[in-house]
PDB file of N, CA and C in Angstrom:
ATOM      1  N   MET A   1       3.777   5.202  10.059  1.00  0.00           N
ATOM      2  CA  MET A   1       5.025   5.122   9.605  1.00  0.00           C
ATOM      3  C   MET A   1       5.524   6.039   8.613  1.00  0.00           C
ATOM      4  N   GLU A   2       6.527   6.917   8.850  1.00  0.00           N
ATOM      5  CA  GLU A   2       7.300   7.941   8.065  1.00  0.00           C
ATOM      6  C   GLU A   2       8.374   7.386   7.115  1.00  0.00           C
ATOM      7  N   LEU A   3       8.400   7.756   5.686  1.00  0.00           N
ATOM      8  CA  LEU A   3       9.225   7.298   4.907  1.00  0.00           C
ATOM      9  C   LEU A   3      10.200   8.498   4.430  1.00  0.00           C
ATOM     10  N   SER A   4      11.191   8.615   4.013  1.00  0.00           N
ATOM     11  CA  SER A   4      12.001   9.678   3.680  1.00  0.00           C
ATOM     12  C   SER A   4      11.864   9.554   2.128  1.00  0.00           C
ATOM     13  N   VAL A   5      12.140  10.652   1.541  1.00  0.00           N
ATOM     14  CA  VAL A   5      12.154  10.766  -0.137  1.00  0.00           C
ATOM     15  C   VAL A   5      12.982   9.688  -0.690  1.00  0.00           C
ATOM     16  N   LYS A   6      14.099   9.231  -0.140  1.00  0.00           N
ATOM     17  CA  LYS A   6      14.873   8.406  -0.731  1.00  0.00           C
ATOM     18  C   LYS A   6      14.407   7.005  -0.736  1.00  0.00           C
ATOM     19  N   GLN A   7      13.687   6.753   0.504  1.00  0.00           N
ATOM     20  CA  GLN A   7      13.397   5.488   0.985  1.00  0.00           C
ATOM     21  C   GLN A   7      12.177   5.401  -0.060  1.00  0.00           C
ATOM     22  N   ARG A   8      11.096   6.262  -0.197  1.00  0.00           N
ATOM     23  CA  ARG A   8      10.017   6.195  -1.098  1.00  0.00           C
ATOM     24  C   ARG A   8      10.521   6.047  -2.638  1.00  0.00           C
ATOM     25  N   GLN A   9      11.374   6.551  -3.057  1.00  0.00           N
ATOM     26  CA  GLN A   9      12.017   6.460  -4.271  1.00  0.00           C
ATOM     27  C   GLN A   9      12.378   4.975  -4.554  1.00  0.00           C
ATOM     28  N   PHE A  10      13.114   4.260  -3.531  1.00  0.00           N
ATOM     29  CA  PHE A  10      13.623   2.913  -3.528  1.00  0.00           C
ATOM     30  C   PHE A  10      12.472   2.136  -3.793  1.00  0.00           C
ATOM     31  N   LEU A  11      11.419   2.267  -2.827  1.00  0.00           N
ATOM     32  CA  LEU A  11      10.280   1.482  -2.657  1.00  0.00           C
ATOM     33  C   LEU A  11       9.236   1.526  -4.095  1.00  0.00           C
ATOM     34  N   LYS A  12       9.355   2.622  -4.618  1.00  0.00           N
ATOM     35  CA  LYS A  12       8.621   3.098  -6.135  1.00  0.00           C
ATOM     36  C   LYS A  12       9.455   2.204  -6.913  1.00  0.00           C
ATOM     37  N   GLY A  13      10.481   2.059  -7.031  1.00  0.00           N
ATOM     38  CA  GLY A  13      11.438   1.431  -7.981  1.00  0.00           C
ATOM     39  C   GLY A  13      11.200  -0.032  -7.929  1.00  0.00           C
ATOM     40  N   LEU A  14      11.077  -0.615  -6.653  1.00  0.00           N
ATOM     41  CA  LEU A  14      10.708  -2.039  -6.616  1.00  0.00           C
ATOM     42  C   LEU A  14       9.118  -2.345  -6.789  1.00  0.00           C
ATOM     43  N   ALA A  15       8.429  -1.411  -6.669  1.00  0.00           N
ATOM     44  CA  ALA A  15       7.095  -1.810  -6.952  1.00  0.00           C
ATOM     45  C   ALA A  15       6.731  -1.695  -8.353  1.00  0.00           C
ATOM     46  N   HIS A  16       7.418  -1.260  -9.246  1.00  0.00           N
ATOM     47  CA  HIS A  16       7.309  -0.974 -10.755  1.00  0.00           C
ATOM     48  C   HIS A  16       6.834  -2.242 -11.271  1.00  0.00           C
ATOM     49  N   SER A  17       7.254  -3.253 -10.996  1.00  0.00           N
ATOM     50  CA  SER A  17       7.154  -4.541 -11.761  1.00  0.00           C
ATOM     51  C   SER A  17       6.121  -5.448 -11.020  1.00  0.00           C
ATOM     52  N   LEU A  18       5.375  -4.868  -9.858  1.00  0.00           N
ATOM     53  CA  LEU A  18       4.295  -5.315  -9.200  1.00  0.00           C
ATOM     54  C   LEU A  18       3.194  -5.508  -9.821  1.00  0.00           C
ATOM     55  N   ASN A  19       2.270  -6.467  -9.632  1.00  0.00           N
ATOM     56  CA  ASN A  19       0.904  -6.526  -9.988  1.00  0.00           C
ATOM     57  C   ASN A  19       0.035  -6.309  -8.777  1.00  0.00           C
ATOM     58  N   PRO A  20      -1.093  -5.656  -8.999  1.00  0.00           N
ATOM     59  CA  PRO A  20      -1.961  -5.539  -7.825  1.00  0.00           C
ATOM     60  C   PRO A  20      -2.598  -6.850  -7.318  1.00  0.00           C
ATOM     61  N   VAL A  21      -2.325  -6.923  -5.872  1.00  0.00           N
ATOM     62  CA  VAL A  21      -2.812  -8.022  -5.362  1.00  0.00           C
ATOM     63  C   VAL A  21      -4.250  -8.107  -4.569  1.00  0.00           C
ATOM     64  N   VAL A  22      -4.663  -6.736  -4.376  1.00  0.00           N
ATOM     65  CA  VAL A  22      -5.873  -6.729  -3.788  1.00  0.00           C
ATOM     66  C   VAL A  22      -6.826  -5.464  -4.609  1.00  0.00           C
ATOM     67  N   MET A  23      -7.898  -5.832  -4.875  1.00  0.00           N
ATOM     68  CA  MET A  23      -8.688  -4.917  -5.459  1.00  0.00           C
ATOM     69  C   MET A  23      -9.937  -4.331  -4.457  1.00  0.00           C
ATOM     70  N   ILE A  24     -10.040  -3.080  -4.394  1.00  0.00           N
ATOM     71  CA  ILE A  24     -11.084  -2.396  -3.747  1.00  0.00           C
ATOM     72  C   ILE A  24     -12.431  -2.079  -4.497  1.00  0.00           C
ATOM     73  N   GLY A  25     -13.448  -2.714  -4.303  1.00  0.00           N
ATOM     74  CA  GLY A  25     -14.617  -2.501  -5.389  1.00  0.00           C
ATOM     75  C   GLY A  25     -15.656  -1.457  -4.849  1.00  0.00           C
ATOM     76  N   ASP A  26     -16.840  -1.521  -5.142  1.00  0.00           N
ATOM     77  CA  ASP A  26     -17.892  -0.375  -4.725  1.00  0.00           C
ATOM     78  C   ASP A  26     -18.119  -0.401  -3.321  1.00  0.00           C
ATOM     79  N   LYS A  27     -17.791  -1.486  -2.520  1.00  0.00           N
ATOM     80  CA  LYS A  27     -18.121  -1.344  -1.047  1.00  0.00           C
ATOM     81  C   LYS A  27     -17.140  -0.768  -0.453  1.00  0.00           C
ATOM     82  N   GLY A  28     -15.962  -0.331  -0.989  1.00  0.00           N
ATOM     83  CA  GLY A  28     -15.018   0.323  -0.328  1.00  0.00           C
ATOM     84  C   GLY A  28     -14.014  -0.567   0.674  1.00  0.00           C
ATOM     85  N   VAL A  29     -13.711  -0.030   1.745  1.00  0.00           N
ATOM     86  CA  VAL A  29     -12.502  -0.783   2.553  1.00  0.00           C
ATOM     87  C   VAL A  29     -13.376  -1.481   3.520  1.00  0.00           C
ATOM     88  N   THR A  30     -13.687  -2.721   3.433  1.00  0.00           N
ATOM     89  CA  THR A  30     -14.322  -3.541   4.278  1.00  0.00           C
ATOM     90  C   THR A  30     -13.271  -4.400   5.114  1.00  0.00           C
ATOM     91  N   ASP A  31     -14.190  -5.084   6.053  1.00  0.00           N
ATOM     92  CA  ASP A  31     -13.033  -5.947   7.053  1.00  0.00           C
ATOM     93  C   ASP A  31     -12.134  -6.979   6.156  1.00  0.00           C
ATOM     94  N   ALA A  32     -12.887  -7.495   5.028  1.00  0.00           N
ATOM     95  CA  ALA A  32     -12.211  -8.563   4.198  1.00  0.00           C
ATOM     96  C   ALA A  32     -11.287  -7.910   3.418  1.00  0.00           C
ATOM     97  N   VAL A  33     -11.343  -6.650   3.092  1.00  0.00           N
ATOM     98  CA  VAL A  33     -10.270  -6.047   2.474  1.00  0.00           C
ATOM     99  C   VAL A  33      -9.242  -5.656   3.254  1.00  0.00           C
ATOM    100  N   ILE A  34      -9.461  -5.240   4.407  1.00  0.00           N
ATOM    101  CA  ILE A  34      -8.380  -4.998   5.486  1.00  0.00           C
ATOM    102  C   ILE A  34      -7.449  -6.231   5.777  1.00  0.00           C
ATOM    103  N   LYS A  35      -8.284  -7.380   6.028  1.00  0.00           N
ATOM    104  CA  LYS A  35      -7.703  -8.632   6.113  1.00  0.00           C
ATOM    105  C   LYS A  35      -6.844  -9.117   5.066  1.00  0.00           C
ATOM    106  N   GLU A  36      -7.095  -8.798   3.982  1.00  0.00           N
ATOM    107  CA  GLU A  36      -6.360  -9.191   2.720  1.00  0.00           C
ATOM    108  C   GLU A  36      -5.134  -8.359   2.416  1.00  0.00           C
ATOM    109  N   VAL A  37      -5.254  -7.084   2.959  1.00  0.00           N
ATOM    110  CA  VAL A  37      -4.144  -6.141   2.622  1.00  0.00           C
ATOM    111  C   VAL A  37      -3.215  -6.656   3.830  1.00  0.00           C
ATOM    112  N   ILE A  38      -3.634  -6.863   4.995  1.00  0.00           N
ATOM    113  CA  ILE A  38      -2.707  -7.243   6.094  1.00  0.00           C
ATOM    114  C   ILE A  38      -1.902  -8.565   5.907  1.00  0.00           C
ATOM    115  N   THR A  39      -2.732  -9.638   5.162  1.00  0.00           N
ATOM    116  CA  THR A  39      -2.132 -10.808   4.807  1.00  0.00           C
ATOM    117  C   THR A  39      -1.076 -10.581   3.874  1.00  0.00           C
ATOM    118  N   ASN A  40      -1.289 -10.023   2.694  1.00  0.00           N
ATOM    119  CA  ASN A  40      -0.277  -9.575   1.699  1.00  0.00           C
ATOM    120  C   ASN A  40       0.637  -8.880   1.944  1.00  0.00           C
ATOM    121  N   LEU A  41       0.650  -7.802   3.121  1.00  0.00           N
ATOM    122  CA  LEU A  41       1.744  -7.098   3.372  1.00  0.00           C
ATOM    123  C   LEU A  41       2.804  -8.003   4.373  1.00  0.00           C
ATOM    124  N   ASN A  42       1.955  -8.922   5.258  1.00  0.00           N
ATOM    125  CA  ASN A  42       2.960  -9.688   6.125  1.00  0.00           C
ATOM    126  C   ASN A  42       3.822 -10.554   5.028  1.00  0.00           C
ATOM    127  N   ALA A  43       3.102 -11.046   3.925  1.00  0.00           N
ATOM    128  CA  ALA A  43       3.834 -11.892   2.998  1.00  0.00           C
ATOM    129  C   ALA A  43       4.833 -11.123   2.185  1.00  0.00           C
ATOM    130  N   HIS A  44       4.703  -9.912   1.719  1.00  0.00           N
ATOM    131  CA  HIS A  44       5.326  -9.259   0.886  1.00  0.00           C
ATOM    132  C   HIS A  44       6.052  -8.062   1.271  1.00  0.00           C
ATOM    133  N   GLU A  45       5.470  -7.457   2.027  1.00  0.00           N
ATOM    134  CA  GLU A  45       5.951  -6.246   2.640  1.00  0.00           C
ATOM    135  C   GLU A  45       5.742  -4.991   1.695  1.00  0.00           C
ATOM    136  N   LEU A  46       5.521  -5.102   0.491  1.00  0.00           N
ATOM    137  CA  LEU A  46       5.347  -4.076  -0.457  1.00  0.00           C
ATOM    138  C   LEU A  46       4.224  -4.475  -1.513  1.00  0.00           C
ATOM    139  N   ILE A  47       3.253  -3.871  -1.667  1.00  0.00           N
ATOM    140  CA  ILE A  47       2.182  -4.487  -2.466  1.00  0.00           C
ATOM    141  C   ILE A  47       1.383  -3.357  -3.154  1.00  0.00           C
ATOM    142  N   LYS A  48       0.583  -3.634  -4.321  1.00  0.00           N
ATOM    143  CA  LYS A  48      -0.059  -2.735  -5.048  1.00  0.00           C
ATOM    144  C   LYS A  48      -1.581  -3.103  -4.833  1.00  0.00           C
ATOM    145  N   ILE A  49      -2.410  -2.093  -4.920  1.00  0.00           N
ATOM    146  CA  ILE A  49      -3.800  -2.242  -4.605  1.00  0.00           C
ATOM    147  C   ILE A  49      -4.439  -1.395  -5.977  1.00  0.00           C
ATOM    148  N   ARG A  50      -5.417  -1.900  -6.397  1.00  0.00           N
ATOM    149  CA  ARG A  50      -6.150  -1.349  -7.379  1.00  0.00           C
ATOM    150  C   ARG A  50      -7.534  -0.864  -6.605  1.00  0.00           C
ATOM    151  N   VAL A  51      -7.880   0.086  -6.997  1.00  0.00           N
ATOM    152  CA  VAL A  51      -9.214   0.894  -6.595  1.00  0.00           C
ATOM    153  C   VAL A  51     -10.028   1.138  -7.671  1.00  0.00           C
ATOM    154  N   LEU A  52     -11.230   0.642  -7.580  1.00  0.00           N
ATOM    155  CA  LEU A  52     -12.318   0.720  -8.624  1.00  0.00           C
ATOM    156  C   LEU A  52     -13.054   2.088  -8.261  1.00  0.00           C
ATOM    157  N   GLY A  53     -13.574   2.723  -9.225  1.00  0.00           N
ATOM    158  CA  GLY A  53     -14.224   3.873  -8.951  1.00  0.00           C
ATOM    159  C   GLY A  53     -13.421   5.416  -9.401  1.00  0.00           C
ATOM    160  N   ASP A  54     -14.105   6.217  -9.644  1.00  0.00           N
ATOM    161  CA  ASP A  54     -13.389   7.553 -10.067  1.00  0.00           C
ATOM    162  C   ASP A  54     -13.437   8.671  -9.162  1.00  0.00           C
ATOM    163  N   ASP A  55     -13.947   8.588  -7.767  1.00  0.00           N
ATOM    164  CA  ASP A  55     -13.785   9.595  -6.942  1.00  0.00           C
ATOM    165  C   ASP A  55     -12.486   9.526  -6.073  1.00  0.00           C
ATOM    166  N   ARG A  56     -11.685  10.562  -6.644  1.00  0.00           N
ATOM    167  CA  ARG A  56     -10.330  10.939  -6.124  1.00  0.00           C
ATOM    168  C   ARG A  56     -10.541  11.125  -4.393  1.00  0.00           C
ATOM    169  N   LYS A  57     -11.558  11.763  -4.043  1.00  0.00           N
ATOM    170  CA  LYS A  57     -11.522  12.190  -2.600  1.00  0.00           C
ATOM    171  C   LYS A  57     -11.727  11.022  -1.947  1.00  0.00           C
ATOM    172  N   LEU A  58     -12.574   9.931  -2.555  1.00  0.00           N
ATOM    173  CA  LEU A  58     -13.112   8.699  -1.759  1.00  0.00           C
ATOM    174  C   LEU A  58     -11.798   8.122  -1.763  1.00  0.00           C
ATOM    175  N   ARG A  59     -11.025   7.809  -2.765  1.00  0.00           N
ATOM    176  CA  ARG A  59      -9.638   7.228  -2.800  1.00  0.00           C
ATOM    177  C   ARG A  59      -8.662   7.611  -1.941  1.00  0.00           C
ATOM    178  N   ILE A  60      -8.583   8.846  -1.517  1.00  0.00           N
ATOM    179  CA  ILE A  60      -7.716   9.329  -0.332  1.00  0.00           C
ATOM    180  C   ILE A  60      -8.237   9.003   1.048  1.00  0.00           C
ATOM    181  N   ARG A  61      -9.646   9.087   1.152  1.00  0.00           N
ATOM    182  CA  ARG A  61     -10.225   8.525   2.473  1.00  0.00           C
ATOM    183  C   ARG A  61      -9.658   7.200   2.667  1.00  0.00           C
ATOM    184  N   MET A  62      -9.861   6.312   1.693  1.00  0.00           N
ATOM    185  CA  MET A  62      -9.639   4.887   1.586  1.00  0.00           C
ATOM    186  C   MET A  62      -8.075   4.434   1.971  1.00  0.00           C
ATOM    187  N   ILE A  63      -7.126   5.448   1.487  1.00  0.00           N
ATOM    188  CA  ILE A  63      -5.935   5.389   1.725  1.00  0.00           C
ATOM    189  C   ILE A  63      -5.600   5.685   3.267  1.00  0.00           C
ATOM    190  N   ASP A  64      -6.034   6.607   3.742  1.00  0.00           N
ATOM    191  CA  ASP A  64      -6.076   7.093   5.261  1.00  0.00           C
ATOM    192  C   ASP A  64      -6.488   5.753   5.977  1.00  0.00           C
ATOM    193  N   GLU A  65      -7.626   5.437   5.812  1.00  0.00           N
ATOM    194  CA  GLU A  65      -8.100   4.262   6.566  1.00  0.00           C
ATOM    195  C   GLU A  65      -7.220   2.943   6.597  1.00  0.00           C
ATOM    196  N   LEU A  66      -6.792   2.726   5.286  1.00  0.00           N
ATOM    197  CA  LEU A  66      -5.867   1.667   5.164  1.00  0.00           C
ATOM    198  C   LEU A  66      -4.479   1.687   5.866  1.00  0.00           C
ATOM    199  N   CYS A  67      -4.029   2.698   5.675  1.00  0.00           N
ATOM    200  CA  CYS A  67      -2.877   3.060   6.468  1.00  0.00           C
ATOM    201  C   CYS A  67      -2.856   3.141   7.791  1.00  0.00           C
ATOM    202  N   SER A  68      -4.232   3.617   8.521  1.00  0.00           N
ATOM    203  CA  SER A  68      -4.403   3.623   9.887  1.00  0.00           C
ATOM    204  C   SER A  68      -4.674   2.177  10.415  1.00  0.00           C
ATOM    205  N   LYS A  69      -5.247   1.292   9.744  1.00  0.00           N
ATOM    206  CA  LYS A  69      -5.734   0.218  10.321  1.00  0.00           C
ATOM    207  C   LYS A  69      -4.755  -0.969  10.098  1.00  0.00           C
ATOM    208  N   THR A  70      -4.056  -0.834   9.167  1.00  0.00           N
ATOM    209  CA  THR A  70      -2.922  -1.969   8.854  1.00  0.00           C
ATOM    210  C   THR A  70      -1.342  -1.562   9.379  1.00  0.00           C
ATOM    211  N   GLY A  71      -1.166  -0.074   9.698  1.00  0.00           N
ATOM    212  CA  GLY A  71       0.093   0.391  10.212  1.00  0.00           C
ATOM    213  C   GLY A  71       1.117   0.410   8.856  1.00  0.00           C
ATOM    214  N   ALA A  72       0.538   0.553   7.677  1.00  0.00           N
ATOM    215  CA  ALA A  72       1.479   0.558   6.557  1.00  0.00           C
ATOM    216  C   ALA A  72       1.628   2.081   6.060  1.00  0.00           C
ATOM    217  N   ALA A  73       2.655   2.211   5.240  1.00  0.00           N
ATOM    218  CA  ALA A  73       2.916   3.808   4.871  1.00  0.00           C
ATOM    219  C   ALA A  73       2.601   3.739   3.401  1.00  0.00           C
ATOM    220  N   LEU A  74       2.040   4.687   2.944  1.00  0.00           N
ATOM    221  CA  LEU A  74       1.781   4.940   1.510  1.00  0.00           C
ATOM    222  C   LEU A  74       3.099   5.326   0.718  1.00  0.00           C
ATOM    223  N   VAL A  75       3.101   4.552  -0.144  1.00  0.00           N
ATOM    224  CA  VAL A  75       4.462   4.799  -1.021  1.00  0.00           C
ATOM    225  C   VAL A  75       4.181   5.645  -2.110  1.00  0.00           C
ATOM    226  N   GLN A  76       3.144   5.390  -2.878  1.00  0.00           N
ATOM    227  CA  GLN A  76       2.692   6.132  -4.059  1.00  0.00           C
ATOM    228  C   GLN A  76       1.284   5.861  -4.267  1.00  0.00           C
ATOM    229  N   HIS A  77       0.484   6.998  -4.860  1.00  0.00           N
ATOM    230  CA  HIS A  77      -0.812   6.769  -5.410  1.00  0.00           C
ATOM    231  C   HIS A  77      -0.859   7.581  -6.575  1.00  0.00           C
ATOM    232  N   ILE A  78      -0.995   6.709  -7.663  1.00  0.00           N
ATOM    233  CA  ILE A  78      -1.045   7.255  -8.975  1.00  0.00           C
ATOM    234  C   ILE A  78      -2.346   6.756  -9.708  1.00  0.00           C
ATOM    235  N   GLY A  79      -3.342   7.441  -9.943  1.00  0.00           N
ATOM    236  CA  GLY A  79      -4.644   7.331 -10.337  1.00  0.00           C
ATOM    237  C   GLY A  79      -5.299   6.211  -9.385  1.00  0.00           C
ATOM    238  N   LYS A  80      -5.648   5.156 -10.047  1.00  0.00           N
ATOM    239  CA  LYS A  80      -6.254   4.379  -9.158  1.00  0.00           C
ATOM    240  C   LYS A  80      -5.370   3.243  -8.659  1.00  0.00           C
ATOM    241  N   LEU A  81      -4.222   3.183  -8.675  1.00  0.00           N
ATOM    242  CA  LEU A  81      -3.156   2.371  -8.173  1.00  0.00           C
ATOM    243  C   LEU A  81      -2.566   3.040  -6.864  1.00  0.00           C
ATOM    244  N   LEU A  82      -2.366   1.957  -5.735  1.00  0.00           N
ATOM    245  CA  LEU A  82      -1.856   2.469  -4.662  1.00  0.00           C
ATOM    246  C   LEU A  82      -0.626   1.463  -4.344  1.00  0.00           C
ATOM    247  N   VAL A  83       0.396   1.904  -3.776  1.00  0.00           N
ATOM    248  CA  VAL A  83       1.512   1.152  -3.365  1.00  0.00           C
ATOM    249  C   VAL A  83       1.659   1.397  -1.799  1.00  0.00           C
ATOM    250  N   LEU A  84       1.602   0.229  -1.054  1.00  0.00           N
ATOM    251  CA  LEU A  84       1.734   0.416   0.435  1.00  0.00           C
ATOM    252  C   LEU A  84       2.840  -0.421   0.852  1.00  0.00           C
ATOM    253  N   TYR A  85       3.773  -0.079   1.932  1.00  0.00           N
ATOM    254  CA  TYR A  85       4.607  -0.761   2.546  1.00  0.00           C
ATOM    255  C   TYR A  85       4.651  -0.822   4.085  1.00  0.00           C
ATOM    256  N   CYS A  86       4.988  -2.139   4.525  1.00  0.00           N
ATOM    257  CA  CYS A  86       4.944  -2.406   5.844  1.00  0.00           C
ATOM    258  C   CYS A  86       5.917  -3.494   6.216  1.00  0.00           C
ATOM    259  N   PRO A  87       6.975  -3.216   6.843  1.00  0.00           N
ATOM    260  CA  PRO A  87       8.106  -4.088   7.121  1.00  0.00           C
ATOM    261  C   PRO A  87       7.472  -5.402   8.081  1.00  0.00           C
ATOM    262  N   ASN A  88       7.789  -6.296   7.709  1.00  0.00           N
ATOM    263  CA  ASN A  88       7.275  -7.593   8.326  1.00  0.00           C
ATOM    264  C   ASN A  88       8.755  -8.062   9.277  1.00  0.00           C
ATOM    265  N   LYS A  89       8.553  -9.173   9.880  1.00  0.00           N
ATOM    266  CA  LYS A  89       9.436  -9.637  10.816  1.00  0.00           C
ATOM    267  C   LYS A  89      10.796 -10.302  10.083  1.00  0.00           C
ATOM    268  N   GLU A  90      10.682 -10.667   9.121  1.00  0.00           N
ATOM    269  CA  GLU A  90      11.990 -11.298   8.190  1.00  0.00           C
ATOM    270  C   GLU A  90      12.571 -10.030   7.708  1.00  0.00           C
ATOM    271  N   GLY A  91      11.982  -8.943   7.232  1.00  0.00           N
ATOM    272  CA  GLY A  91      12.753  -7.813   6.853  1.00  0.00           C
ATOM    273  C   GLY A  91      13.258  -8.176   5.661  1.00  0.00           C
ATOM    274  N   LYS A  92      12.547  -8.627   4.672  1.00  0.00           N
ATOM    275  CA  LYS A  92      13.030  -8.880   3.377  1.00  0.00           C
ATOM    276  C   LYS A  92      13.438  -7.762   2.522  1.00  0.00           C
ATOM    277  N   ILE A  93      12.785  -6.420   2.703  1.00  0.00           N
ATOM    278  CA  ILE A  93      13.169  -5.326   2.180  1.00  0.00           C
ATOM    279  C   ILE A  93      14.176  -4.574   3.077  1.00  0.00           C
ATOM    280  N   VAL A  94      15.323  -3.951   2.534  1.00  0.00           N
ATOM    281  CA  VAL A  94      16.228  -3.252   3.472  1.00  0.00           C
ATOM    282  C   VAL A  94      16.383  -1.770   2.760  1.00  0.00           C
ATOM    283  N   LEU A  95      15.530  -0.948   3.601  1.00  0.00           N
ATOM    284  CA  LEU A  95      15.507   0.414   3.011  1.00  0.00           C
ATOM    285  C   LEU A  95      16.714   1.267   3.052  1.00  0.00           C
ATOM    286  N   PRO A  96      17.120   2.094   2.353  1.00  0.00           N
ATOM    287  CA  PRO A  96      18.439   3.006   2.485  1.00  0.00           C
ATOM    288  C   PRO A  96      18.351   3.825   3.449  1.00  0.00           C
ATOM    289  N   LYS A  97      19.368   4.058   4.144  1.00  0.00           N
ATOM    290  CA  LYS A  97      19.559   5.125   5.149  1.00  0.00           C
ATOM    291  C   LYS A  97      19.120   6.421   4.328  1.00  0.00           C
ATOM    292  N   ASP A  98      18.587   7.582   5.464  1.00  0.00           N
ATOM    293  CA  ASP A  98      18.416   8.930   4.766  1.00  0.00           C
ATOM    294  C   ASP A  98      19.746   9.438   4.045  1.00  0.00           C
TER     295      ASP A  98
END
């Protein structure tokens, strides 16, 4: 899923007040983590994830794996926080047009 710059900025604004709902620990992206991410994306569409660990390259690989396995789009990656977006059937969040 591709987001335009305008859509990404809009989602960043919505995500600002969110707290992380999923934490990825030392074991990385496990089946349980993917299940939690999918569950939360279906419920909220926009979520924050906290990644423990200091390896930036590993976090980037985790982002790629999460996005490919969940169908979500990366909105933001700042330090150890990730923001993912995936629209659900109800479509609670209406993205601006390009």
